[in-house]
């Protein structure tokens, strides 16, 4: 029993150290001017949970800098779950004290599918008339293209029973396929976030008008 207790204490300390290292890694990544600008208008407060850890933290975009605090604030915009390996990868990439733009993109691209899922969970985006107003199809494939030419992140969007399902990977026969650069993906997220925050008929009308033109630059339809 004594050995078991000691083992539990050691494991608990290691997890605590990993969390502190993870938060330090996030601080290194998110304080580069490129990343601060990268996420401008994408969220104000982003909650992060880590699989296998009880601890959670909140990322705050304050316009000219990004900070974080332990725990999940009550007024977060989105709650994004990450796997423990994602955190460990961040630590690995930041060991030398510097992170290249490509390394930052690779690390932060893990947010692509979970952030899409959290965005589409917002009740206003589940309303069918808004979907039809914007001309959004009910089965969509989405590729987030790697700027280095590597394999893209991919997920499937399905609208069913007044809700969106976001599934990692490609499934079914899509009515539209998107192949987006990180810049196009972030532009979409910014426009969506603005519409969510203002949440008025005219703002959603402006979003729908913009969306119908924007999708011509990065998608094709299927019959």
Protein backbone atom coordinates (compact mmCIF):
# COMPACT_ATOMS: atom_id res chain seq x y z
CA UNK A 1 0.00 0.00 0.00
CA UNK A 2 2.86 2.37 0.84
CA UNK A 3 4.42 1.81 -2.58
CA UNK A 4 1.06 2.41 -4.24
CA UNK A 5 0.62 5.74 -2.44
CA UNK A 6 4.16 6.82 -3.38
CA UNK A 7 3.52 5.85 -7.00
CA UNK A 8 0.29 7.87 -7.07
CA UNK A 9 2.08 10.91 -5.63
CA UNK A 10 4.85 10.62 -8.25
CA UNK A 11 2.34 10.28 -11.11
CA UNK A 12 0.35 13.25 -9.78
CA UNK A 13 3.49 15.39 -9.62
CA UNK A 14 4.49 14.38 -13.16
CA UNK A 15 1.05 15.32 -14.50
CA UNK A 16 1.23 18.66 -12.72
CA UNK A 17 4.67 19.30 -14.23
CA UNK A 18 3.35 18.36 -17.68
CA UNK A 19 0.48 20.83 -17.29
CA UNK A 20 2.85 23.63 -16.25
CA UNK A 21 5.06 22.78 -19.23
CA UNK A 22 1.99 22.74 -21.49
CA UNK A 23 0.91 26.18 -20.31
CA UNK A 24 4.45 27.48 -20.81
CA UNK A 25 4.44 26.00 -24.32
CA UNK A 26 1.13 27.71 -25.10
CA UNK A 27 2.59 30.98 -23.79
CA UNK A 28 5.62 30.66 -26.09
CA UNK A 29 3.49 29.80 -29.11
CA UNK A 30 0.74 32.34 -28.64
CA UNK A 31 2.93 35.36 -27.88
CA UNK A 32 4.47 35.56 -31.37
CA UNK A 33 3.04 38.56 -33.29
CA UNK A 34 2.11 36.26 -36.19
CA UNK A 35 -0.04 34.04 -33.98
CA UNK A 36 -1.66 36.96 -32.15
CA UNK A 37 -2.74 38.32 -35.55
CA UNK A 38 -3.53 34.79 -36.78
CA UNK A 39 -6.29 34.39 -34.20
CA UNK A 40 -7.52 37.98 -34.17
CA UNK A 41 -11.31 37.90 -34.44
CA UNK A 42 -11.47 34.10 -34.19
CA UNK A 43 -12.38 34.06 -30.49
CA UNK A 44 -12.24 36.25 -27.40
CA UNK A 45 -12.08 33.45 -24.84
CA UNK A 46 -11.26 29.85 -25.71
CA UNK A 47 -11.58 27.08 -23.13
CA UNK A 48 -9.12 24.17 -23.40
CA UNK A 49 -9.49 20.75 -21.82
CA UNK A 50 -6.82 18.06 -22.04
CA UNK A 51 -7.64 14.36 -22.22
CA UNK A 52 -6.19 12.45 -19.27
CA UNK A 53 -5.82 15.59 -17.12
CA UNK A 54 -8.30 17.16 -14.72
CA UNK A 55 -6.80 20.60 -15.22
CA UNK A 56 -8.22 23.02 -17.77
CA UNK A 57 -7.34 26.52 -18.90
CA UNK A 58 -8.77 29.52 -20.74
CA UNK A 59 -7.03 31.35 -23.59
CA UNK A 60 -7.79 35.09 -23.72
CA UNK A 61 -7.31 37.06 -26.95
CA UNK A 62 -6.86 40.65 -25.83
CA UNK A 63 -6.23 42.25 -29.20
CA UNK A 64 -2.50 42.87 -28.95
CA UNK A 65 -1.61 39.79 -26.94
CA UNK A 66 -2.89 36.38 -25.89
CA UNK A 67 -2.86 35.25 -22.28
CA UNK A 68 -4.25 32.28 -20.40
CA UNK A 69 -5.47 31.38 -16.95
CA UNK A 70 -6.06 28.10 -15.17
CA UNK A 71 -9.65 26.86 -15.19
CA UNK A 72 -12.52 27.47 -17.61
CA UNK A 73 -14.18 30.90 -17.49
CA UNK A 74 -17.98 31.00 -17.46
CA UNK A 75 -18.19 33.27 -20.52
CA UNK A 76 -15.96 31.40 -22.98
CA UNK A 77 -16.88 31.48 -26.66
CA UNK A 78 -15.88 27.88 -27.38
CA UNK A 79 -14.66 24.85 -25.42
CA UNK A 80 -12.08 22.82 -27.33
CA UNK A 81 -10.84 19.39 -26.18
CA UNK A 82 -7.24 18.44 -26.95
CA UNK A 83 -5.47 15.13 -26.54
CA UNK A 84 -2.54 14.85 -24.17
CA UNK A 85 -0.26 14.07 -27.13
CA UNK A 86 -1.12 17.45 -28.66
CA UNK A 87 0.20 19.12 -25.52
CA UNK A 88 3.34 16.98 -25.47
CA UNK A 89 3.97 17.88 -29.12
CA UNK A 90 3.74 21.56 -28.23
CA UNK A 91 6.32 21.06 -25.51
CA UNK A 92 8.61 19.22 -27.93
CA UNK A 93 8.37 21.99 -30.54
CA UNK A 94 9.17 24.70 -27.99
CA UNK A 95 12.18 23.06 -26.32
CA UNK A 96 14.70 25.20 -28.22
CA UNK A 97 12.97 28.38 -27.13
CA UNK A 98 11.77 29.35 -30.61
CA UNK A 99 8.95 28.19 -32.86
CA UNK A 100 8.92 28.70 -36.61
CA UNK A 101 5.70 29.75 -38.40
CA UNK A 102 5.41 26.25 -39.86
CA UNK A 103 5.78 24.65 -36.41
CA UNK A 104 3.16 27.01 -35.02
CA UNK A 105 0.79 26.13 -37.86
CA UNK A 106 1.28 22.40 -37.26
CA UNK A 107 0.63 22.76 -33.56
CA UNK A 108 -2.40 24.99 -33.91
CA UNK A 109 -3.92 23.03 -36.79
CA UNK A 110 -5.11 20.53 -34.19
CA UNK A 111 -7.82 23.11 -33.41
CA UNK A 112 -9.31 22.85 -36.91
CA UNK A 113 -11.89 20.07 -36.39
CA UNK A 114 -12.75 20.66 -32.70
CA UNK A 115 -13.13 24.42 -33.22
CA UNK A 116 -15.40 23.80 -36.22
CA UNK A 117 -17.47 21.43 -34.07
CA UNK A 118 -17.75 23.94 -31.23
CA UNK A 119 -18.64 26.77 -33.62
CA UNK A 120 -21.43 24.76 -35.24
CA UNK A 121 -22.80 23.81 -31.81
CA UNK A 122 -23.83 27.44 -31.31
CA UNK A 123 -27.68 27.36 -31.39
CA UNK A 124 -27.95 30.17 -33.94
CA UNK A 125 -26.01 28.10 -36.48
CA UNK A 126 -28.29 25.10 -36.01
CA UNK A 127 -31.36 27.06 -37.16
CA UNK A 128 -32.43 25.67 -40.54
CA UNK A 129 -33.58 28.98 -42.05
CA UNK A 130 -30.13 30.48 -41.47
CA UNK A 131 -28.53 27.49 -43.20
CA UNK A 132 -30.89 27.86 -46.15
CA UNK A 133 -30.43 31.65 -46.24
CA UNK A 134 -26.69 31.14 -46.67
CA UNK A 135 -27.20 28.31 -49.15
CA UNK A 136 -25.22 25.86 -47.01
CA UNK A 137 -25.48 22.23 -48.14
CA UNK A 138 -26.31 19.45 -45.66
CA UNK A 139 -23.32 17.19 -46.46
CA UNK A 140 -19.91 18.81 -46.90
CA UNK A 141 -16.30 17.66 -47.09
CA UNK A 142 -13.67 20.12 -45.85
CA UNK A 143 -9.90 20.05 -46.41
CA UNK A 144 -7.56 22.35 -44.50
CA UNK A 145 -4.54 22.53 -46.79
CA UNK A 146 -1.04 22.31 -45.34
CA UNK A 147 1.03 25.29 -46.56
CA UNK A 148 4.10 23.01 -46.70
CA UNK A 149 2.32 20.68 -49.12
CA UNK A 150 1.84 17.83 -46.64
CA UNK A 151 -1.33 15.92 -45.95
CA UNK A 152 -4.36 18.12 -45.28
CA UNK A 153 -6.61 17.97 -42.24
CA UNK A 154 -10.04 16.67 -43.28
CA UNK A 155 -13.49 16.47 -41.80
CA UNK A 156 -17.12 15.94 -42.79
CA UNK A 157 -20.03 18.25 -41.92
CA UNK A 158 -23.53 16.73 -41.81
CA UNK A 159 -26.71 18.64 -41.01
CA UNK A 160 -29.39 16.33 -39.61
CA UNK A 161 -32.34 16.83 -37.25
CA UNK A 162 -31.60 20.53 -36.73
CA UNK A 163 -28.01 20.06 -35.68
CA UNK A 164 -24.55 19.85 -37.23
CA UNK A 165 -22.36 16.78 -36.89
CA UNK A 166 -18.62 17.27 -37.39
CA UNK A 167 -16.77 14.02 -38.06
CA UNK A 168 -13.02 13.70 -38.38
CA UNK A 169 -12.23 12.23 -41.82
CA UNK A 170 -14.31 12.03 -45.01
CA UNK A 171 -17.64 10.17 -45.19
CA UNK A 172 -20.57 9.98 -47.59
CA UNK A 173 -21.11 11.66 -50.94
CA UNK A 174 -20.75 15.41 -50.40
CA UNK A 175 -22.86 18.04 -52.10
CA UNK A 176 -19.93 20.45 -51.78
CA UNK A 177 -16.19 20.11 -51.10
CA UNK A 178 -14.02 22.84 -49.62
CA UNK A 179 -10.24 22.99 -50.03
CA UNK A 180 -9.19 25.87 -47.82
CA UNK A 181 -5.87 27.42 -46.98
CA UNK A 182 -5.35 28.34 -43.32
CA UNK A 183 -6.00 31.97 -44.28
CA UNK A 184 -9.34 31.14 -45.90
CA UNK A 185 -10.33 28.99 -42.94
CA UNK A 186 -9.55 31.77 -40.49
CA UNK A 187 -11.41 34.33 -42.59
CA UNK A 188 -14.49 32.09 -42.45
CA UNK A 189 -14.12 31.66 -38.70
CA UNK A 190 -13.76 35.42 -38.18
CA UNK A 191 -16.87 36.17 -40.24
CA UNK A 192 -18.84 33.47 -38.43
CA UNK A 193 -17.68 34.66 -35.01
CA UNK A 194 -18.69 38.24 -35.82
CA UNK A 195 -22.16 37.08 -36.87
CA UNK A 196 -22.50 34.97 -33.72
CA UNK A 197 -21.48 37.87 -31.47
CA UNK A 198 -23.83 40.42 -33.09
CA UNK A 199 -26.59 37.86 -33.75
CA UNK A 200 -29.03 40.04 -35.68
CA UNK A 201 -31.03 39.36 -38.82
CA UNK A 202 -29.07 41.94 -40.82
CA UNK A 203 -25.72 40.59 -39.61
CA UNK A 204 -26.70 37.08 -40.69
CA UNK A 205 -27.90 38.51 -44.00
CA UNK A 206 -24.48 40.17 -44.50
CA UNK A 207 -22.80 36.89 -43.56
CA UNK A 208 -24.91 34.94 -46.06
CA UNK A 209 -24.12 37.44 -48.83
CA UNK A 210 -20.39 37.28 -48.08
CA UNK A 211 -20.41 33.48 -47.72
CA UNK A 212 -21.98 32.88 -51.13
CA UNK A 213 -19.16 34.84 -52.78
CA UNK A 214 -16.36 33.53 -50.57
CA UNK A 215 -17.14 29.86 -51.18
CA UNK A 216 -16.56 30.37 -54.91
CA UNK A 217 -12.86 30.83 -54.13
CA UNK A 218 -12.33 27.53 -52.32
CA UNK A 219 -15.09 25.02 -53.10
CA UNK A 220 -16.79 22.99 -55.79
CA UNK A 221 -20.30 21.52 -55.90
CA UNK A 222 -21.24 17.93 -56.74
CA UNK A 223 -24.38 16.70 -58.43
